[in-house]
Amino acid sequence: MNIYRCTRQRPYTIGTPGFTNPKHRDGYYQEADSHEEALSLMQAQFPDEKVFSVQLWTSDKNASTDVYYMEDGILYLTATGEVASIK
């Protein structure tokens, strides 16, 4: 089981750093087996919201982590905007 840092886009308005950059958002730390499970936990907590980001949390500040978000039930990689393939 891993820890994932999940964020919500909704509380941030257009033009604020948190609207487009998950680093500027408050994080919710979810213990889960996968990115998809972490997103499911967020959707259960905030059923009226559609856009979340999730990244594997690590104590290594130099480690690169992929950031994902889910919109309308589709998981995307934020760097490319493409549908993510997570096993």
PDB file of N, CA and C in Angstrom:
ATOM      1  N   MET A   1       0.847  -1.180   0.000  1.00  0.00           N
ATOM      2  CA  MET A   1       0.000   0.000   0.000  1.00  0.00           C
ATOM      3  C   MET A   1       0.892   1.243   0.000  1.00  0.00           C
ATOM      4  N   ASN A   2       0.496   2.246  -0.752  1.00  0.00           N
ATOM      5  CA  ASN A   2       1.251   3.494  -0.878  1.00  0.00           C
ATOM      6  C   ASN A   2       0.440   4.658  -0.320  1.00  0.00           C
ATOM      7  N   ILE A   3       1.107   5.786  -0.189  1.00  0.00           N
ATOM      8  CA  ILE A   3       0.427   7.027   0.186  1.00  0.00           C
ATOM      9  C   ILE A   3       0.433   7.938  -1.033  1.00  0.00           C
ATOM     10  N   TYR A   4      -0.733   8.498  -1.339  1.00  0.00           N
ATOM     11  CA  TYR A   4      -0.900   9.390  -2.478  1.00  0.00           C
ATOM     12  C   TYR A   4      -1.342  10.751  -1.989  1.00  0.00           C
ATOM     13  N   ARG A   5      -0.794  11.795  -2.598  1.00  0.00           N
ATOM     14  CA  ARG A   5      -1.226  13.167  -2.311  1.00  0.00           C
ATOM     15  C   ARG A   5      -2.251  13.531  -3.373  1.00  0.00           C
ATOM     16  N   CYS A   6      -3.471  13.764  -2.935  1.00  0.00           N
ATOM     17  CA  CYS A   6      -4.557  14.111  -3.841  1.00  0.00           C
ATOM     18  C   CYS A   6      -4.954  15.565  -3.608  1.00  0.00           C
ATOM     19  N   THR A   7      -5.370  16.233  -4.680  1.00  0.00           N
ATOM     20  CA  THR A   7      -5.817  17.621  -4.543  1.00  0.00           C
ATOM     21  C   THR A   7      -7.114  17.816  -5.303  1.00  0.00           C
ATOM     22  N   ARG A   8      -7.808  18.884  -4.935  1.00  0.00           N
ATOM     23  CA  ARG A   8      -9.063  19.269  -5.588  1.00  0.00           C
ATOM     24  C   ARG A   8      -8.828  20.579  -6.338  1.00  0.00           C
ATOM     25  N   GLN A   9      -9.404  20.710  -7.514  1.00  0.00           N
ATOM     26  CA  GLN A   9      -9.287  21.955  -8.272  1.00  0.00           C
ATOM     27  C   GLN A   9     -10.393  22.933  -7.891  1.00  0.00           C
ATOM     28  N   ARG A  10     -11.536  22.430  -7.507  1.00  0.00           N
ATOM     29  CA  ARG A  10     -12.723  23.246  -7.312  1.00  0.00           C
ATOM     30  C   ARG A  10     -12.574  24.441  -6.368  1.00  0.00           C
ATOM     31  N   PRO A  11     -11.899  24.306  -5.231  1.00  0.00           N
ATOM     32  CA  PRO A  11     -11.862  25.468  -4.331  1.00  0.00           C
ATOM     33  C   PRO A  11     -11.041  26.649  -4.862  1.00  0.00           C
ATOM     34  N   TYR A  12     -10.334  26.461  -5.961  1.00  0.00           N
ATOM     35  CA  TYR A  12      -9.441  27.507  -6.475  1.00  0.00           C
ATOM     36  C   TYR A  12     -10.068  28.159  -7.703  1.00  0.00           C
ATOM     37  N   THR A  13     -10.025  29.478  -7.744  1.00  0.00           N
ATOM     38  CA  THR A  13     -10.642  30.200  -8.849  1.00  0.00           C
ATOM     39  C   THR A  13      -9.647  30.428  -9.985  1.00  0.00           C
ATOM     40  N   ILE A  14     -10.179  30.662 -11.165  1.00  0.00           N
ATOM     41  CA  ILE A  14      -9.352  30.934 -12.338  1.00  0.00           C
ATOM     42  C   ILE A  14      -8.454  32.124 -12.042  1.00  0.00           C
ATOM     43  N   GLY A  15      -7.182  31.992 -12.382  1.00  0.00           N
ATOM     44  CA  GLY A  15      -6.226  33.067 -12.147  1.00  0.00           C
ATOM     45  C   GLY A  15      -5.403  32.888 -10.884  1.00  0.00           C
ATOM     46  N   THR A  16      -5.800  31.971 -10.015  1.00  0.00           N
ATOM     47  CA  THR A  16      -4.999  31.714  -8.818  1.00  0.00           C
ATOM     48  C   THR A  16      -4.042  30.560  -9.095  1.00  0.00           C
ATOM     49  N   PRO A  17      -2.887  30.521  -8.417  1.00  0.00           N
ATOM     50  CA  PRO A  17      -1.910  29.457  -8.679  1.00  0.00           C
ATOM     51  C   PRO A  17      -2.469  28.050  -8.481  1.00  0.00           C
ATOM     52  N   GLY A  18      -3.353  27.861  -7.520  1.00  0.00           N
ATOM     53  CA  GLY A  18      -3.898  26.536  -7.250  1.00  0.00           C
ATOM     54  C   GLY A  18      -4.832  26.010  -8.319  1.00  0.00           C
ATOM     55  N   PHE A  19      -5.349  26.901  -9.176  1.00  0.00           N
ATOM     56  CA  PHE A  19      -6.276  26.443 -10.213  1.00  0.00           C
ATOM     57  C   PHE A  19      -5.579  25.547 -11.224  1.00  0.00           C
ATOM     58  N   THR A  20      -4.350  25.873 -11.585  1.00  0.00           N
ATOM     59  CA  THR A  20      -3.645  25.098 -12.593  1.00  0.00           C
ATOM     60  C   THR A  20      -2.458  24.303 -12.055  1.00  0.00           C
ATOM     61  N   ASN A  21      -1.971  24.638 -10.869  1.00  0.00           N
ATOM     62  CA  ASN A  21      -0.774  23.983 -10.356  1.00  0.00           C
ATOM     63  C   ASN A  21      -1.068  23.246  -9.045  1.00  0.00           C
ATOM     64  N   PRO A  22      -1.095  21.902  -9.094  1.00  0.00           N
ATOM     65  CA  PRO A  22      -1.395  21.131  -7.877  1.00  0.00           C
ATOM     66  C   PRO A  22      -0.421  21.368  -6.726  1.00  0.00           C
ATOM     67  N   LYS A  23       0.789  21.852  -7.003  1.00  0.00           N
ATOM     68  CA  LYS A  23       1.755  22.129  -5.930  1.00  0.00           C
ATOM     69  C   LYS A  23       1.261  23.231  -4.998  1.00  0.00           C
ATOM     70  N   HIS A  24       0.366  24.086  -5.499  1.00  0.00           N
ATOM     71  CA  HIS A  24      -0.144  25.209  -4.712  1.00  0.00           C
ATOM     72  C   HIS A  24      -1.463  24.873  -4.023  1.00  0.00           C
ATOM     73  N   ARG A  25      -1.876  23.629  -4.061  1.00  0.00           N
ATOM     74  CA  ARG A  25      -3.146  23.224  -3.461  1.00  0.00           C
ATOM     75  C   ARG A  25      -2.920  22.499  -2.142  1.00  0.00           C
ATOM     76  N   ASP A  26      -3.939  22.559  -1.283  1.00  0.00           N
ATOM     77  CA  ASP A  26      -3.931  21.750  -0.069  1.00  0.00           C
ATOM     78  C   ASP A  26      -4.032  20.289  -0.471  1.00  0.00           C
ATOM     79  N   GLY A  27      -3.259  19.432   0.175  1.00  0.00           N
ATOM     80  CA  GLY A  27      -3.266  18.016  -0.174  1.00  0.00           C
ATOM     81  C   GLY A  27      -4.084  17.175   0.789  1.00  0.00           C
ATOM     82  N   TYR A  28      -4.655  16.126   0.254  1.00  0.00           N
ATOM     83  CA  TYR A  28      -5.343  15.097   1.029  1.00  0.00           C
ATOM     84  C   TYR A  28      -4.509  13.838   0.838  1.00  0.00           C
ATOM     85  N   TYR A  29      -4.055  13.256   1.908  1.00  0.00           N
ATOM     86  CA  TYR A  29      -3.152  12.109   1.819  1.00  0.00           C
ATOM     87  C   TYR A  29      -3.949  10.830   2.014  1.00  0.00           C
ATOM     88  N   GLN A  30      -4.002  10.035   0.938  1.00  0.00           N
ATOM     89  CA  GLN A  30      -4.801   8.819   0.928  1.00  0.00           C
ATOM     90  C   GLN A  30      -3.888   7.596   0.901  1.00  0.00           C
ATOM     91  N   GLU A  31      -4.199   6.609   1.706  1.00  0.00           N
ATOM     92  CA  GLU A  31      -3.486   5.343   1.666  1.00  0.00           C
ATOM     93  C   GLU A  31      -4.258   4.435   0.712  1.00  0.00           C
ATOM     94  N   ALA A  32      -3.595   3.975  -0.354  1.00  0.00           N
ATOM     95  CA  ALA A  32      -4.275   3.192  -1.384  1.00  0.00           C
ATOM     96  C   ALA A  32      -3.281   2.288  -2.113  1.00  0.00           C
ATOM     97  N   ASP A  33      -3.825   1.321  -2.847  1.00  0.00           N
ATOM     98  CA  ASP A  33      -2.991   0.397  -3.618  1.00  0.00           C
ATOM     99  C   ASP A  33      -2.647   0.924  -5.001  1.00  0.00           C
ATOM    100  N   SER A  34      -3.378   1.929  -5.489  1.00  0.00           N
ATOM    101  CA  SER A  34      -3.145   2.440  -6.844  1.00  0.00           C
ATOM    102  C   SER A  34      -3.636   3.879  -6.961  1.00  0.00           C
ATOM    103  N   HIS A  35      -3.236   4.539  -8.069  1.00  0.00           N
ATOM    104  CA  HIS A  35      -3.724   5.889  -8.357  1.00  0.00           C
ATOM    105  C   HIS A  35      -5.258   5.868  -8.462  1.00  0.00           C
ATOM    106  N   GLU A  36      -5.774   4.844  -9.140  1.00  0.00           N
ATOM    107  CA  GLU A  36      -7.222   4.756  -9.335  1.00  0.00           C
ATOM    108  C   GLU A  36      -7.973   4.644  -8.011  1.00  0.00           C
ATOM    109  N   GLU A  37      -7.434   3.845  -7.092  1.00  0.00           N
ATOM    110  CA  GLU A  37      -8.081   3.695  -5.788  1.00  0.00           C
ATOM    111  C   GLU A  37      -8.036   5.017  -5.013  1.00  0.00           C
ATOM    112  N   ALA A  38      -6.918   5.722  -5.073  1.00  0.00           N
ATOM    113  CA  ALA A  38      -6.812   7.023  -4.397  1.00  0.00           C
ATOM    114  C   ALA A  38      -7.841   8.005  -4.962  1.00  0.00           C
ATOM    115  N   LEU A  39      -8.013   8.003  -6.290  1.00  0.00           N
ATOM    116  CA  LEU A  39      -9.012   8.884  -6.903  1.00  0.00           C
ATOM    117  C   LEU A  39     -10.425   8.482  -6.502  1.00  0.00           C
ATOM    118  N   SER A  40     -10.672   7.192  -6.407  1.00  0.00           N
ATOM    119  CA  SER A  40     -11.992   6.726  -5.974  1.00  0.00           C
ATOM    120  C   SER A  40     -12.302   7.204  -4.560  1.00  0.00           C
ATOM    121  N   LEU A  41     -11.291   7.206  -3.695  1.00  0.00           N
ATOM    122  CA  LEU A  41     -11.480   7.698  -2.331  1.00  0.00           C
ATOM    123  C   LEU A  41     -11.828   9.182  -2.334  1.00  0.00           C
ATOM    124  N   MET A  42     -11.176   9.944  -3.200  1.00  0.00           N
ATOM    125  CA  MET A  42     -11.474  11.376  -3.295  1.00  0.00           C
ATOM    126  C   MET A  42     -12.890  11.603  -3.829  1.00  0.00           C
ATOM    127  N   GLN A  43     -13.276  10.822  -4.827  1.00  0.00           N
ATOM    128  CA  GLN A  43     -14.618  10.968  -5.385  1.00  0.00           C
ATOM    129  C   GLN A  43     -15.694  10.631  -4.354  1.00  0.00           C
ATOM    130  N   ALA A  44     -15.399   9.671  -3.484  1.00  0.00           N
ATOM    131  CA  ALA A  44     -16.349   9.333  -2.429  1.00  0.00           C
ATOM    132  C   ALA A  44     -16.455  10.470  -1.411  1.00  0.00           C
ATOM    133  N   GLN A  45     -15.333  11.145  -1.150  1.00  0.00           N
ATOM    134  CA  GLN A  45     -15.321  12.263  -0.203  1.00  0.00           C
ATOM    135  C   GLN A  45     -15.991  13.503  -0.766  1.00  0.00           C
ATOM    136  N   PHE A  46     -15.835  13.719  -2.072  1.00  0.00           N
ATOM    137  CA  PHE A  46     -16.334  14.932  -2.723  1.00  0.00           C
ATOM    138  C   PHE A  46     -17.145  14.542  -3.963  1.00  0.00           C
ATOM    139  N   PRO A  47     -18.347  13.975  -3.789  1.00  0.00           N
ATOM    140  CA  PRO A  47     -19.115  13.439  -4.918  1.00  0.00           C
ATOM    141  C   PRO A  47     -19.565  14.473  -5.950  1.00  0.00           C
ATOM    142  N   ASP A  48     -19.611  15.737  -5.594  1.00  0.00           N
ATOM    143  CA  ASP A  48     -20.047  16.766  -6.538  1.00  0.00           C
ATOM    144  C   ASP A  48     -18.914  17.321  -7.391  1.00  0.00           C
ATOM    145  N   GLU A  49     -17.693  16.860  -7.157  1.00  0.00           N
ATOM    146  CA  GLU A  49     -16.540  17.366  -7.909  1.00  0.00           C
ATOM    147  C   GLU A  49     -16.077  16.351  -8.939  1.00  0.00           C
ATOM    148  N   LYS A  50     -15.505  16.853 -10.041  1.00  0.00           N
ATOM    149  CA  LYS A  50     -15.091  15.981 -11.133  1.00  0.00           C
ATOM    150  C   LYS A  50     -13.590  15.974 -11.383  1.00  0.00           C
ATOM    151  N   VAL A  51     -12.868  17.007 -10.954  1.00  0.00           N
ATOM    152  CA  VAL A  51     -11.448  17.125 -11.284  1.00  0.00           C
ATOM    153  C   VAL A  51     -10.600  17.010 -10.017  1.00  0.00           C
ATOM    154  N   PHE A  52      -9.721  16.015 -10.010  1.00  0.00           N
ATOM    155  CA  PHE A  52      -8.776  15.797  -8.922  1.00  0.00           C
ATOM    156  C   PHE A  52      -7.413  15.509  -9.521  1.00  0.00           C
ATOM    157  N   SER A  53      -6.368  15.753  -8.768  1.00  0.00           N
ATOM    158  CA  SER A  53      -5.042  15.290  -9.182  1.00  0.00           C
ATOM    159  C   SER A  53      -4.554  14.326  -8.111  1.00  0.00           C
ATOM    160  N   VAL A  54      -3.658  13.438  -8.496  1.00  0.00           N
ATOM    161  CA  VAL A  54      -3.101  12.489  -7.535  1.00  0.00           C
ATOM    162  C   VAL A  54      -1.665  12.194  -7.922  1.00  0.00           C
ATOM    163  N   GLN A  55      -0.799  12.151  -6.926  1.00  0.00           N
ATOM    164  CA  GLN A  55       0.588  11.792  -7.182  1.00  0.00           C
ATOM    165  C   GLN A  55       1.084  10.905  -6.057  1.00  0.00           C
ATOM    166  N   LEU A  56       1.919   9.963  -6.421  1.00  0.00           N
ATOM    167  CA  LEU A  56       2.517   9.089  -5.424  1.00  0.00           C
ATOM    168  C   LEU A  56       3.378   9.947  -4.525  1.00  0.00           C
ATOM    169  N   TRP A  57       3.151   9.864  -3.215  1.00  0.00           N
ATOM    170  CA  TRP A  57       3.882  10.682  -2.258  1.00  0.00           C
ATOM    171  C   TRP A  57       5.188   9.995  -1.917  1.00  0.00           C
ATOM    172  N   THR A  58       6.271  10.770  -1.906  1.00  0.00           N
ATOM    173  CA  THR A  58       7.585  10.229  -1.581  1.00  0.00           C
ATOM    174  C   THR A  58       8.327  11.218  -0.711  1.00  0.00           C
ATOM    175  N   SER A  59       9.190  10.715   0.136  1.00  0.00           N
ATOM    176  CA  SER A  59       9.985  11.609   0.972  1.00  0.00           C
ATOM    177  C   SER A  59      11.223  12.099   0.230  1.00  0.00           C
ATOM    178  N   ASP A  60      11.506  11.504  -0.938  1.00  0.00           N
ATOM    179  CA  ASP A  60      12.650  11.905  -1.749  1.00  0.00           C
ATOM    180  C   ASP A  60      12.266  13.138  -2.562  1.00  0.00           C
ATOM    181  N   LYS A  61      12.775  14.292  -2.162  1.00  0.00           N
ATOM    182  CA  LYS A  61      12.395  15.548  -2.817  1.00  0.00           C
ATOM    183  C   LYS A  61      12.850  15.615  -4.275  1.00  0.00           C
ATOM    184  N   ASN A  62      13.813  14.783  -4.665  1.00  0.00           N
ATOM    185  CA  ASN A  62      14.299  14.795  -6.038  1.00  0.00           C
ATOM    186  C   ASN A  62      13.601  13.762  -6.918  1.00  0.00           C
ATOM    187  N   ALA A  63      12.744  12.952  -6.336  1.00  0.00           N
ATOM    188  CA  ALA A  63      12.067  11.916  -7.122  1.00  0.00           C
ATOM    189  C   ALA A  63      11.027  12.553  -8.030  1.00  0.00           C
ATOM    190  N   SER A  64      10.939  12.052  -9.236  1.00  0.00           N
ATOM    191  CA  SER A  64       9.915  12.564 -10.137  1.00  0.00           C
ATOM    192  C   SER A  64       8.653  11.737  -9.933  1.00  0.00           C
ATOM    193  N   THR A  65       7.541  12.399  -9.900  1.00  0.00           N
ATOM    194  CA  THR A  65       6.266  11.711  -9.744  1.00  0.00           C
ATOM    195  C   THR A  65       5.325  12.190 -10.826  1.00  0.00           C
ATOM    196  N   ASP A  66       4.557  11.269 -11.358  1.00  0.00           N
ATOM    197  CA  ASP A  66       3.537  11.630 -12.329  1.00  0.00           C
ATOM    198  C   ASP A  66       2.326  12.154 -11.590  1.00  0.00           C
ATOM    199  N   VAL A  67       1.695  13.150 -12.143  1.00  0.00           N
ATOM    200  CA  VAL A  67       0.489  13.699 -11.555  1.00  0.00           C
ATOM    201  C   VAL A  67      -0.669  13.349 -12.476  1.00  0.00           C
ATOM    202  N   TYR A  68      -1.717  12.782 -11.905  1.00  0.00           N
ATOM    203  CA  TYR A  68      -2.892  12.371 -12.652  1.00  0.00           C
ATOM    204  C   TYR A  68      -4.093  13.171 -12.187  1.00  0.00           C
ATOM    205  N   TYR A  69      -5.091  13.245 -13.038  1.00  0.00           N
ATOM    206  CA  TYR A  69      -6.369  13.777 -12.592  1.00  0.00           C
ATOM    207  C   TYR A  69      -7.473  12.990 -13.263  1.00  0.00           C
ATOM    208  N   MET A  70      -8.637  13.001 -12.654  1.00  0.00           N
ATOM    209  CA  MET A  70      -9.775  12.285 -13.209  1.00  0.00           C
ATOM    210  C   MET A  70     -10.876  13.277 -13.492  1.00  0.00           C
ATOM    211  N   GLU A  71     -11.429  13.183 -14.687  1.00  0.00           N
ATOM    212  CA  GLU A  71     -12.542  14.037 -15.065  1.00  0.00           C
ATOM    213  C   GLU A  71     -13.554  13.178 -15.795  1.00  0.00           C
ATOM    214  N   ASP A  72     -14.790  13.225 -15.335  1.00  0.00           N
ATOM    215  CA  ASP A  72     -15.863  12.426 -15.916  1.00  0.00           C
ATOM    216  C   ASP A  72     -15.503  10.949 -16.003  1.00  0.00           C
ATOM    217  N   GLY A  73     -14.831  10.452 -14.969  1.00  0.00           N
ATOM    218  CA  GLY A  73     -14.505   9.039 -14.902  1.00  0.00           C
ATOM    219  C   GLY A  73     -13.339   8.596 -15.764  1.00  0.00           C
ATOM    220  N   ILE A  74     -12.640   9.539 -16.411  1.00  0.00           N
ATOM    221  CA  ILE A  74     -11.490   9.214 -17.256  1.00  0.00           C
ATOM    222  C   ILE A  74     -10.232   9.728 -16.576  1.00  0.00           C
ATOM    223  N   LEU A  75      -9.229   8.870 -16.469  1.00  0.00           N
ATOM    224  CA  LEU A  75      -7.979   9.213 -15.806  1.00  0.00           C
ATOM    225  C   LEU A  75      -6.997   9.773 -16.840  1.00  0.00           C
ATOM    226  N   TYR A  76      -6.443  10.967 -16.590  1.00  0.00           N
ATOM    227  CA  TYR A  76      -5.515  11.634 -17.505  1.00  0.00           C
ATOM    228  C   TYR A  76      -4.172  11.881 -16.830  1.00  0.00           C
ATOM    229  N   LEU A  77      -3.123  11.902 -17.623  1.00  0.00           N
ATOM    230  CA  LEU A  77      -1.810  12.355 -17.176  1.00  0.00           C
ATOM    231  C   LEU A  77      -1.762  13.852 -17.441  1.00  0.00           C
ATOM    232  N   THR A  78      -1.454  14.666 -16.438  1.00  0.00           N
ATOM    233  CA  THR A  78      -1.503  16.117 -16.634  1.00  0.00           C
ATOM    234  C   THR A  78      -0.411  16.628 -17.565  1.00  0.00           C
ATOM    235  N   ALA A  79       0.741  15.971 -17.590  1.00  0.00           N
ATOM    236  CA  ALA A  79       1.832  16.464 -18.428  1.00  0.00           C
ATOM    237  C   ALA A  79       1.495  16.391 -19.908  1.00  0.00           C
ATOM    238  N   THR A  80       0.715  15.385 -20.315  1.00  0.00           N
ATOM    239  CA  THR A  80       0.421  15.199 -21.730  1.00  0.00           C
ATOM    240  C   THR A  80      -1.030  15.452 -22.077  1.00  0.00           C
ATOM    241  N   GLY A  81      -1.898  15.358 -21.086  1.00  0.00           N
ATOM    242  CA  GLY A  81      -3.334  15.477 -21.350  1.00  0.00           C
ATOM    243  C   GLY A  81      -3.909  14.201 -21.946  1.00  0.00           C
ATOM    244  N   GLU A  82      -3.070  13.175 -22.076  1.00  0.00           N
ATOM    245  CA  GLU A  82      -3.527  11.921 -22.657  1.00  0.00           C
ATOM    246  C   GLU A  82      -4.154  11.041 -21.596  1.00  0.00           C
ATOM    247  N   VAL A  83      -4.991  10.111 -22.067  1.00  0.00           N
ATOM    248  CA  VAL A  83      -5.580   9.143 -21.148  1.00  0.00           C
ATOM    249  C   VAL A  83      -4.462   8.279 -20.598  1.00  0.00           C
ATOM    250  N   ALA A  84      -4.431   8.129 -19.287  1.00  0.00           N
ATOM    251  CA  ALA A  84      -3.368   7.372 -18.637  1.00  0.00           C
ATOM    252  C   ALA A  84      -3.700   5.883 -18.642  1.00  0.00           C
ATOM    253  N   SER A  85      -2.683   5.100 -18.754  1.00  0.00           N
ATOM    254  CA  SER A  85      -2.819   3.651 -18.671  1.00  0.00           C
ATOM    255  C   SER A  85      -2.143   3.200 -17.388  1.00  0.00           C
ATOM    256  N   ILE A  86      -2.946   2.877 -16.395  1.00  0.00           N
ATOM    257  CA  ILE A  86      -2.395   2.479 -15.104  1.00  0.00           C
ATOM    258  C   ILE A  86      -2.766   1.034 -14.843  1.00  0.00           C
ATOM    259  N   LYS A  87      -1.768   0.257 -14.475  1.00  0.00           N
ATOM    260  CA  LYS A  87      -2.018  -1.157 -14.192  1.00  0.00           C
ATOM    261  C   LYS A  87      -2.207  -1.353 -12.709  1.00  0.00           C
TER     262      LYS A  87
END
